[in-house]
Amino acid sequence: MELKDLIGRNAPVSLTALGLSKDLVVLCLCPHPDDFDAIGVTLRHFRDNGNLIHALVLRTGSGVEDSYCSSPDRELKAAVREKEQRASCRFFGLPDERLTFMDLREDENQAVIEDGPNLARIREHVFKIRPDIVFLPHGNDTNTGHRRVYSMLAKMAKAADFTLTAFLIKDPKTIRIRIDAYTGFGRPDAEWKAQLLRFHDTQHQRNLHSRGIGFDERILEVNRKIASELDLGYEFAEAFEISPLSI
């Protein structure tokens, strides 16, 4: 099946059952470290399918409690989060040369700023890779960084000379989404994903302190609700809205 055939379908389709070409280049565009891991099962499917996967992670210290670090310094926190993401990607099996961190200008709340210089740097990287598929958080989201990164991708796509399709991720902060595709999975894959998520110990500890559950449990609970709402026959599922951002 071709990517264009996924647009405008009446019912969600299973990504693992589509037989998508291994020639499709995949980019995971991450406003924060850990956005990659939130869809780890789907990305593992593309990895095992033979697709070339890249990750572009915006470097930030957001989400790290002051008590976690010896100093509340932004750079120290960003370094900790980068170390966590590098460890999780090694566990996943993503080659180091396909993991890029980008230090962009942020506002006072450590959310990436949507401006010309930031957009230009992301655009240069995206246009160099020329991905067929970009995974990123949905623009209809309570997280400022998620909204701004989606907006910048949508703007840069207008200047692209290649077809770019966004797979917008349903995560805990998504407000509303049309589910076009999903990846269903069971308990063994959920345990693997939980291990992947726990590499982000800063987020794990913050969730334990603020919500009483670990980071792994929070993400997997979203996956459990998706599978239940879609009545898939799986215990868990990652879900996506497919948006063609092509000229």
Foldseek 3Di string as FASTA:
>chain_A
DDPVVLPPDPAAAAPLPPPDALAFAEEEEAQAQPSCLLALVVVLSSVVNNHHYAYEHEQWLPLFDCVVDPGPDTVVSSVLSVVLSVVLCVVSPHDPVRYHYDYADADPNGAHDQDDVVLVVVLVVCQVRVGQEYEAADLQFPDPNRVRVVVSVLVSQVVHPHKYKYWHWDFPGHDDADFSYKHFDADVVLVVSLVSSCSSVSQQVSCCVPPVGGPSVRSQVVQQVVCVVSVPPGRGMITTDMDTSHD
